[in-house]
């Protein structure tokens, strides 16, 4: 039958052109070995699954890390200014004039005066340490992460003289809800002959937010700016000006003009400088995970070599017969290259589909695993309360292309070895 196929192709074309029908037919037939050679099929299936799992793991890992990074970036940028402007060695007074100058800089969206202070928060049931941020009622609405994540109450009451906004986890720790009263305690109280006495003041909870970052939901409180100035004894002062720009990724372009508008005696710190260590660690971790998981794809590609070498060994007689019937070395090489590449292509496509499916349903999968194992992920360790995933089209394309290239390269040696067989030697003892 093989002879008929080869002769038929030769009669039609005058020669065996690359990847003609008989080459494809034989290569695909080798994917379904006859009875007694099923072990080769098992190895081929395991190789295909190895490539699929490697590609799936790469897509899922990188997508989850992309989602983690982007969610973290977004919440950090929405919660804090892109540039922090502070005064050198003296109280920051006259901040309204400085803010007016900065807001006129092209690309600046908003300038928010803030007061920061560490306090102890107490209720009838519990106490906890937190970070108070004094901010104007109009400015808190400019923080999209807060204004869009209110789960209890409303920011309309933030203008009250004693209104305060806190995170959902802090509210749970204190056992309070909207309308309940909490006490704020600071060591920066009144100075007496016996030292500085702590200052305690009661406030009513106006709203509760939940941004999804454990530290923010547990430790951050917002207080009206005028109340923060009184509480921390900073009359007509602020801790800093937080500047929001249109494109925070290119913050370096805005810094010189913002510094000039702020005037002498001010210090600027960008969001990239404040979070440099965090983002550096994330970048290193991401690169290392890519390298480690890529080894799975590499090992699976090596399995193509072993499975194809075994197939060549089993098909030595068939190769010799094909050569004696007129098949060229190139034809033999292309037959085995097609066989091995088909395994790699199928594995890559399967891995791509599995990876995309898992990424699109990552939350449901996490919930199911937690239910099945009875182990809930601790947001204190996880940082984010939800597991995000963001599929990057370019990265995914690179993963697929690299997997295909590795699969193709893995077929070259077995195919070359098959093409190099001497048909006379192969048939001598048959």
Protein backbone atom coordinates (compact mmCIF):
# COMPACT_ATOMS: atom_id res chain seq x y z
CA UNK A 1 0.00 0.00 0.00
CA UNK A 2 2.86 2.38 0.83
CA UNK A 3 4.36 1.62 -2.57
CA UNK A 4 1.08 2.47 -4.28
CA UNK A 5 0.84 5.77 -2.42
CA UNK A 6 4.40 6.79 -3.33
CA UNK A 7 4.08 5.74 -6.96
CA UNK A 8 0.73 7.51 -7.27
CA UNK A 9 2.18 10.78 -5.99
CA UNK A 10 5.21 10.41 -8.26
CA UNK A 11 3.04 9.81 -11.34
CA UNK A 12 0.96 12.89 -10.61
CA UNK A 13 3.80 15.32 -9.98
CA UNK A 14 6.86 13.72 -11.51
CA UNK A 15 8.58 13.93 -8.13
CA UNK A 16 7.70 13.91 -4.46
CA UNK A 17 7.15 17.54 -3.51
CA UNK A 18 7.52 18.65 0.15
CA UNK A 19 4.58 17.75 2.42
CA UNK A 20 2.64 15.97 -0.31
CA UNK A 21 -0.37 13.84 0.52
CA UNK A 22 1.53 10.59 1.09
CA UNK A 23 3.87 12.27 3.59
CA UNK A 24 0.94 13.64 5.58
CA UNK A 25 -0.94 10.35 5.34
CA UNK A 26 1.97 8.30 6.65
CA UNK A 27 2.83 10.79 9.40
CA UNK A 28 -0.74 10.80 10.71
CA UNK A 29 -0.89 7.01 10.44
CA UNK A 30 2.18 6.84 12.67
CA UNK A 31 0.16 8.71 15.30
CA UNK A 32 -2.10 5.63 15.44
CA UNK A 33 0.33 2.72 15.72
CA UNK A 34 -1.07 -0.75 14.99
CA UNK A 35 -1.82 -3.33 17.64
CA UNK A 36 1.26 -4.25 19.62
CA UNK A 37 2.76 -0.74 19.45
CA UNK A 38 0.32 0.99 21.76
CA UNK A 39 3.10 2.01 24.12
CA UNK A 40 4.22 4.59 21.55
CA UNK A 41 0.72 6.09 21.52
CA UNK A 42 0.71 6.31 25.31
CA UNK A 43 4.01 8.19 25.28
CA UNK A 44 2.72 10.53 22.55
CA UNK A 45 -0.44 11.26 24.57
CA UNK A 46 1.56 11.92 27.73
CA UNK A 47 3.87 14.23 25.75
CA UNK A 48 0.88 16.10 24.37
CA UNK A 49 -0.59 16.49 27.86
CA UNK A 50 2.76 17.67 29.19
CA UNK A 51 2.92 20.47 26.63
CA UNK A 52 -0.73 21.35 27.27
CA UNK A 53 -0.20 21.56 31.04
CA UNK A 54 2.97 23.61 30.60
CA UNK A 55 1.26 26.14 28.34
CA UNK A 56 -1.78 26.23 30.66
CA UNK A 57 0.41 26.84 33.71
CA UNK A 58 2.31 29.65 31.98
CA UNK A 59 -0.84 31.44 30.84
CA UNK A 60 -2.55 31.10 34.23
CA UNK A 61 0.47 32.10 36.33
CA UNK A 62 1.32 35.16 34.26
CA UNK A 63 -2.32 36.22 33.99
CA UNK A 64 -2.84 35.97 37.76
CA UNK A 65 0.36 37.90 38.42
CA UNK A 66 -0.67 40.54 35.86
CA UNK A 67 -4.07 40.84 37.52
CA UNK A 68 -2.49 41.01 40.98
CA UNK A 69 -0.05 43.70 39.88
CA UNK A 70 -2.63 45.80 38.01
CA UNK A 71 -5.17 45.62 40.84
CA UNK A 72 -2.51 46.59 43.33
CA UNK A 73 -1.30 49.45 41.11
CA UNK A 74 -4.82 50.74 40.56
CA UNK A 75 -5.77 50.72 44.23
CA UNK A 76 -2.49 52.32 45.28
CA UNK A 77 -2.83 55.05 42.63
CA UNK A 78 -6.50 55.68 43.41
CA UNK A 79 -5.94 55.79 47.17
CA UNK A 80 -2.84 57.98 47.17
CA UNK A 81 -1.54 60.91 45.19
CA UNK A 82 0.72 60.27 42.22
CA UNK A 83 3.11 62.94 43.56
CA UNK A 84 3.42 63.96 47.23
CA UNK A 85 4.48 67.57 47.85
CA UNK A 86 5.84 68.35 51.34
CA UNK A 87 7.61 71.26 53.01
CA UNK A 88 11.22 71.06 54.15
CA UNK A 89 11.70 71.34 57.92
CA UNK A 90 8.75 73.62 58.68
CA UNK A 91 4.95 73.49 58.95
CA UNK A 92 3.20 73.38 55.59
CA UNK A 93 1.11 76.58 55.70
CA UNK A 94 -0.20 78.55 52.74
CA UNK A 95 -0.95 75.26 51.04
CA UNK A 96 -4.00 76.61 49.20
CA UNK A 97 -1.83 79.02 47.20
CA UNK A 98 0.63 76.25 46.37
CA UNK A 99 -2.24 73.99 45.32
CA UNK A 100 -3.62 76.67 42.98
CA UNK A 101 -0.21 76.95 41.28
CA UNK A 102 0.18 73.20 40.88
CA UNK A 103 -3.32 72.59 39.52
CA UNK A 104 -2.52 74.92 36.60
CA UNK A 105 0.28 72.61 35.43
CA UNK A 106 -0.80 70.82 32.22
CA UNK A 107 -1.73 67.21 32.95
CA UNK A 108 -2.58 67.74 36.63
CA UNK A 109 -6.12 66.58 37.44
CA UNK A 110 -6.39 67.48 41.11
CA UNK A 111 -4.41 68.63 44.13
CA UNK A 112 -5.63 67.28 47.48
CA UNK A 113 -4.44 68.67 50.86
CA UNK A 114 -4.16 65.91 53.47
CA UNK A 115 -3.16 65.39 57.08
CA UNK A 116 -1.79 61.97 58.06
CA UNK A 117 -1.50 60.63 61.58
CA UNK A 118 -1.27 57.34 63.45
CA UNK A 119 -3.92 56.81 66.10
CA UNK A 120 -5.61 54.21 68.25
CA UNK A 121 -9.27 53.56 67.45
CA UNK A 122 -11.49 52.22 70.20
CA UNK A 123 -15.11 51.15 70.49
CA UNK A 124 -17.24 49.58 73.21
CA UNK A 125 -15.95 46.19 72.15
CA UNK A 126 -12.39 46.47 70.87
CA UNK A 127 -9.44 48.73 70.04
CA UNK A 128 -7.03 48.80 67.12
CA UNK A 129 -4.29 50.96 65.62
CA UNK A 130 -5.03 52.86 62.42
CA UNK A 131 -3.92 55.65 60.11
CA UNK A 132 -6.10 58.74 59.94
CA UNK A 133 -6.18 60.77 56.74
CA UNK A 134 -7.69 64.23 57.03
CA UNK A 135 -9.25 65.25 53.70
CA UNK A 136 -11.87 67.71 52.48
CA UNK A 137 -15.34 66.43 51.71
CA UNK A 138 -15.07 67.50 48.08
CA UNK A 139 -11.71 65.79 47.65
CA UNK A 140 -12.68 62.37 48.96
CA UNK A 141 -15.05 62.00 46.01
CA UNK A 142 -12.02 62.38 43.72
CA UNK A 143 -10.59 59.16 45.18
CA UNK A 144 -12.41 56.69 42.93
CA UNK A 145 -11.30 53.70 44.99
CA UNK A 146 -13.13 55.10 48.02
CA UNK A 147 -16.15 56.85 46.53
CA UNK A 148 -17.06 53.84 44.36
CA UNK A 149 -16.47 51.23 47.08
CA UNK A 150 -18.81 52.42 49.83
CA UNK A 151 -20.58 49.35 51.27
CA UNK A 152 -22.38 51.04 54.17
CA UNK A 153 -23.63 54.57 54.67
CA UNK A 154 -22.89 57.51 52.39
CA UNK A 155 -20.23 60.17 51.87
CA UNK A 156 -22.95 62.82 52.14
CA UNK A 157 -22.54 62.79 55.92
CA UNK A 158 -18.78 63.19 55.69
CA UNK A 159 -19.26 66.95 56.10
CA UNK A 160 -20.56 66.40 59.65
CA UNK A 161 -18.39 67.86 62.37
CA UNK A 162 -17.68 64.42 63.81
CA UNK A 163 -18.24 62.14 60.79
CA UNK A 164 -15.61 59.58 59.88
CA UNK A 165 -15.17 56.93 57.14
CA UNK A 166 -13.32 53.66 57.81
CA UNK A 167 -12.55 50.34 56.14
CA UNK A 168 -14.81 47.30 56.37
CA UNK A 169 -12.28 45.10 58.17
CA UNK A 170 -11.58 47.76 60.76
CA UNK A 171 -15.33 48.13 61.28
CA UNK A 172 -15.60 44.37 61.81
CA UNK A 173 -12.70 44.34 64.27
CA UNK A 174 -14.27 47.19 66.26
CA UNK A 175 -17.76 45.71 65.97
CA UNK A 176 -19.30 48.95 64.67
CA UNK A 177 -21.66 49.97 61.88
CA UNK A 178 -22.76 53.25 60.31
CA UNK A 179 -24.11 55.56 63.02
CA UNK A 180 -22.08 53.97 65.83
CA UNK A 181 -19.60 55.97 67.84
CA UNK A 182 -15.84 55.34 68.01
CA UNK A 183 -13.05 57.11 69.89
CA UNK A 184 -9.83 58.31 68.28
CA UNK A 185 -6.78 58.50 70.54
CA UNK A 186 -3.47 60.21 69.76
CA UNK A 187 -0.40 60.90 71.85
CA UNK A 188 -0.08 64.34 70.25
CA UNK A 189 -2.31 65.99 72.84
CA UNK A 190 -2.03 69.08 74.99
CA UNK A 191 1.34 69.97 76.47
CA UNK A 192 1.35 70.29 80.27
CA UNK A 193 4.08 70.78 82.89
CA UNK A 194 3.98 67.02 83.30
CA UNK A 195 4.41 66.29 79.59
CA UNK A 196 2.12 65.71 76.64
CA UNK A 197 -1.20 64.14 77.50
CA UNK A 198 -3.07 61.88 75.06
CA UNK A 199 -6.01 63.39 73.22
CA UNK A 200 -9.27 61.47 72.91
CA UNK A 201 -12.27 62.48 70.84
CA UNK A 202 -15.48 60.71 69.86
CA UNK A 203 -16.61 60.48 66.22
CA UNK A 204 -19.59 58.92 64.52
CA UNK A 205 -19.16 56.47 61.62
CA UNK A 206 -20.57 58.04 58.46
CA UNK A 207 -19.63 55.36 55.91
CA UNK A 208 -17.72 52.11 55.49
CA UNK A 209 -15.64 51.32 52.39
CA UNK A 210 -14.09 48.10 51.07
CA UNK A 211 -11.37 48.45 48.41
CA UNK A 212 -10.20 44.83 48.52
CA UNK A 213 -6.68 45.46 49.85
CA UNK A 214 -6.33 44.00 53.31
CA UNK A 215 -4.10 46.74 54.78
CA UNK A 216 -6.31 49.58 53.55
CA UNK A 217 -9.56 47.98 54.68
CA UNK A 218 -8.08 47.28 58.11
CA UNK A 219 -6.10 50.40 58.97
CA UNK A 220 -7.22 53.49 57.02
CA UNK A 221 -9.73 56.05 58.30
CA UNK A 222 -10.83 59.29 56.67
CA UNK A 223 -11.67 62.40 58.70
CA UNK A 224 -12.77 65.88 57.53
CA UNK A 225 -9.70 68.06 57.04
CA UNK A 226 -10.79 70.78 59.48
CA UNK A 227 -11.43 68.17 62.17
CA UNK A 228 -8.02 66.57 61.54
CA UNK A 229 -6.35 69.98 61.88
CA UNK A 230 -8.00 70.50 65.25
CA UNK A 231 -7.38 66.96 66.46
CA UNK A 232 -3.67 66.96 65.58
CA UNK A 233 -3.19 70.64 66.59
CA UNK A 234 -2.23 71.69 63.07
CA UNK A 235 -4.15 74.89 62.62
CA UNK A 236 -3.98 76.12 59.00
CA UNK A 237 -1.48 73.33 58.21
CA UNK A 238 -1.43 70.09 56.27
CA UNK A 239 1.01 67.20 56.13
CA UNK A 240 1.26 67.23 52.34
CA UNK A 241 -0.38 67.95 49.01
CA UNK A 242 -1.28 64.89 46.95
CA UNK A 243 -1.16 65.60 43.22
CA UNK A 244 -3.17 63.48 40.77
CA UNK A 245 -2.06 63.49 37.10
CA UNK A 246 -3.64 62.21 33.88
CA UNK A 247 -0.94 59.62 33.15
CA UNK A 248 0.73 58.28 36.32
CA UNK A 249 2.88 55.84 34.31
CA UNK A 250 4.78 58.83 32.91
CA UNK A 251 5.01 60.71 36.20
CA UNK A 252 8.62 61.69 35.51
CA UNK A 253 7.44 64.08 32.79
CA UNK A 254 5.26 66.02 35.26
CA UNK A 255 7.67 66.27 38.18
CA UNK A 256 9.83 69.20 36.95
CA UNK A 257 6.83 71.45 36.28
CA UNK A 258 5.13 70.45 39.53
CA UNK A 259 8.34 71.20 41.45
CA UNK A 260 8.59 74.62 39.80
CA UNK A 261 4.95 75.40 40.60
CA UNK A 262 5.36 74.25 44.22
CA UNK A 263 8.28 76.62 44.71
CA UNK A 264 11.47 76.43 46.73
CA UNK A 265 11.59 74.59 50.02
CA UNK A 266 9.33 71.74 48.88
CA UNK A 267 10.10 68.08 48.39
CA UNK A 268 8.46 65.85 45.76
CA UNK A 269 8.05 62.08 46.03
CA UNK A 270 6.42 60.13 43.21
CA UNK A 271 4.34 56.98 43.61
CA UNK A 272 7.09 54.99 41.89
CA UNK A 273 9.65 56.12 44.47
CA UNK A 274 7.35 55.34 47.41
CA UNK A 275 6.59 51.83 46.12
CA UNK A 276 9.91 51.04 44.43
CA UNK A 277 10.72 48.03 46.64
CA UNK A 278 7.27 46.51 46.27
CA UNK A 279 7.23 46.79 42.48
CA UNK A 280 10.82 45.54 42.24
CA UNK A 281 9.91 42.44 44.24
CA UNK A 282 6.84 41.84 42.06
CA UNK A 283 8.92 42.15 38.87
CA UNK A 284 11.58 39.72 40.14
CA UNK A 285 8.95 37.24 41.34
CA UNK A 286 7.13 37.40 38.02
CA UNK A 287 10.31 36.80 36.00
CA UNK A 288 11.33 33.88 38.20
CA UNK A 289 7.88 32.29 37.93
CA UNK A 290 8.06 32.62 34.15
CA UNK A 291 11.43 30.88 34.05
CA UNK A 292 10.38 28.10 36.44
CA UNK A 293 7.09 27.33 34.71
CA UNK A 294 8.76 27.55 31.28
CA UNK A 295 10.83 24.53 32.28
CA UNK A 296 7.61 22.49 32.22
CA UNK A 297 7.14 23.34 28.53
CA UNK A 298 10.82 22.67 27.85
CA UNK A 299 10.72 19.24 29.51
CA UNK A 300 7.54 18.39 27.60
CA UNK A 301 9.29 19.36 24.36
CA UNK A 302 12.17 17.04 25.25
CA UNK A 303 9.61 14.27 25.64
CA UNK A 304 8.78 14.75 21.97
CA UNK A 305 12.39 13.79 21.19
CA UNK A 306 12.21 10.61 23.25
CA UNK A 307 8.81 9.57 21.85
CA UNK A 308 9.90 10.24 18.26
CA UNK A 309 13.21 8.38 18.71
CA UNK A 310 11.24 5.36 19.92
CA UNK A 311 8.88 5.69 16.96
CA UNK A 312 11.84 5.79 14.57
CA UNK A 313 13.25 2.65 16.21
CA UNK A 314 9.91 0.85 15.82
CA UNK A 315 9.44 2.01 12.24
CA UNK A 316 12.96 1.18 11.00
CA UNK A 317 11.64 -1.47 8.60
CA UNK A 318 8.93 0.87 7.25
CA UNK A 319 11.50 3.60 6.67
CA UNK A 320 13.74 1.21 4.76
CA UNK A 321 10.82 0.08 2.57
CA UNK A 322 9.84 3.66 1.81
CA UNK A 323 13.43 4.50 0.86
CA UNK A 324 13.69 1.51 -1.51
CA UNK A 325 10.41 2.55 -3.16
CA UNK A 326 11.85 5.96 -4.01
CA UNK A 327 11.06 8.16 -1.02
CA UNK A 328 13.86 10.68 -0.52
CA UNK A 329 15.62 11.46 2.73
CA UNK A 330 13.77 14.77 2.75
CA UNK A 331 10.44 12.97 2.58
CA UNK A 332 11.34 10.70 5.49
CA UNK A 333 12.50 13.67 7.50
CA UNK A 334 9.32 15.63 6.78
CA UNK A 335 7.14 12.63 7.74
CA UNK A 336 8.59 12.46 11.24
CA UNK A 337 8.73 16.25 11.58
CA UNK A 338 5.01 16.37 10.78
CA UNK A 339 4.26 13.62 13.30
CA UNK A 340 6.16 15.33 16.13
CA UNK A 341 4.93 18.81 15.24
CA UNK A 342 1.33 17.62 15.24
CA UNK A 343 1.76 16.48 18.86
CA UNK A 344 3.23 19.88 19.79
CA UNK A 345 0.54 21.85 17.96
CA UNK A 346 -2.31 19.86 19.52
CA UNK A 347 -0.76 20.18 22.98
CA UNK A 348 -0.23 23.93 22.56
CA UNK A 349 -3.79 24.53 21.35
CA UNK A 350 -5.22 22.44 24.18
CA UNK A 351 -3.06 24.29 26.70
CA UNK A 352 -4.11 27.66 25.27
CA UNK A 353 -7.81 26.80 25.55
CA UNK A 354 -7.42 25.43 29.08
CA UNK A 355 -5.41 28.44 30.20
CA UNK A 356 -7.92 30.96 28.86
CA UNK A 357 -10.82 29.01 30.37
CA UNK A 358 -9.20 28.88 33.81
CA UNK A 359 -8.34 32.59 33.74
CA UNK A 360 -11.89 33.56 32.81
CA UNK A 361 -13.27 31.45 35.67
CA UNK A 362 -10.50 31.94 38.23
CA UNK A 363 -12.82 33.22 40.97
CA UNK A 364 -15.25 30.30 40.60
CA UNK A 365 -12.37 27.83 40.59
CA UNK A 366 -10.87 29.38 43.72
CA UNK A 367 -14.25 29.25 45.46
CA UNK A 368 -14.73 25.61 44.50
CA UNK A 369 -11.24 24.61 45.69
CA UNK A 370 -11.80 26.40 49.00
CA UNK A 371 -15.13 24.60 49.41
CA UNK A 372 -13.73 21.20 48.43
CA UNK A 373 -10.66 21.42 50.68
CA UNK A 374 -12.24 23.37 53.50
CA UNK A 375 -9.29 25.77 53.43
CA UNK A 376 -10.07 29.46 53.01
CA UNK A 377 -7.33 31.74 51.71
CA UNK A 378 -6.34 34.30 54.34
CA UNK A 379 -6.56 37.83 52.88
CA UNK A 380 -3.91 38.93 55.37
CA UNK A 381 -1.47 36.68 53.51
CA UNK A 382 -3.07 37.16 50.12
CA UNK A 383 -3.04 41.01 50.38
CA UNK A 384 -6.00 41.18 47.99
CA UNK A 385 -9.37 39.82 49.07
CA UNK A 386 -10.00 38.40 45.58
CA UNK A 387 -7.78 36.52 43.15
CA UNK A 388 -7.59 38.62 39.95
CA UNK A 389 -6.48 37.50 36.48
CA UNK A 390 -5.66 39.66 33.47
CA UNK A 391 -4.92 37.99 30.14
CA UNK A 392 -2.26 39.84 28.16
CA UNK A 393 -2.68 39.16 24.43
CA UNK A 394 0.99 39.76 23.63
CA UNK A 395 2.31 37.54 26.44
CA UNK A 396 -0.14 34.78 25.57
CA UNK A 397 0.89 34.96 21.91
CA UNK A 398 4.56 34.73 22.89
CA UNK A 399 3.83 31.65 25.06
CA UNK A 400 2.01 29.92 22.19
CA UNK A 401 4.69 30.80 19.63
CA UNK A 402 7.55 29.67 21.89
CA UNK A 403 5.75 26.37 22.62
CA UNK A 404 5.27 25.77 18.89
CA UNK A 405 8.91 26.59 18.11
CA UNK A 406 10.18 24.27 20.86
CA UNK A 407 7.90 21.51 19.62
CA UNK A 408 9.18 21.93 16.06
CA UNK A 409 12.85 22.03 17.10
CA UNK A 410 12.33 18.87 19.17
CA UNK A 411 11.41 16.97 15.98
CA UNK A 412 14.60 17.79 14.06
CA UNK A 413 16.95 15.24 15.62
CA UNK A 414 14.55 12.22 15.43
CA UNK A 415 13.59 13.20 11.87
CA UNK A 416 17.25 13.54 10.85
CA UNK A 417 18.03 10.18 12.44
CA UNK A 418 15.16 8.55 10.51
CA UNK A 419 16.32 10.09 7.24
CA UNK A 420 19.89 8.90 7.86
CA UNK A 421 18.95 5.21 8.12
CA UNK A 422 20.60 2.99 5.51
CA UNK A 423 17.78 0.89 3.97
CA UNK A 424 20.20 -1.94 3.10
CA UNK A 425 21.40 -2.29 6.68
CA UNK A 426 17.83 -1.94 8.02
CA UNK A 427 16.54 -4.81 5.80
CA UNK A 428 19.57 -7.12 5.96
CA UNK A 429 18.20 -9.21 8.81
CA UNK A 430 14.49 -8.91 7.97
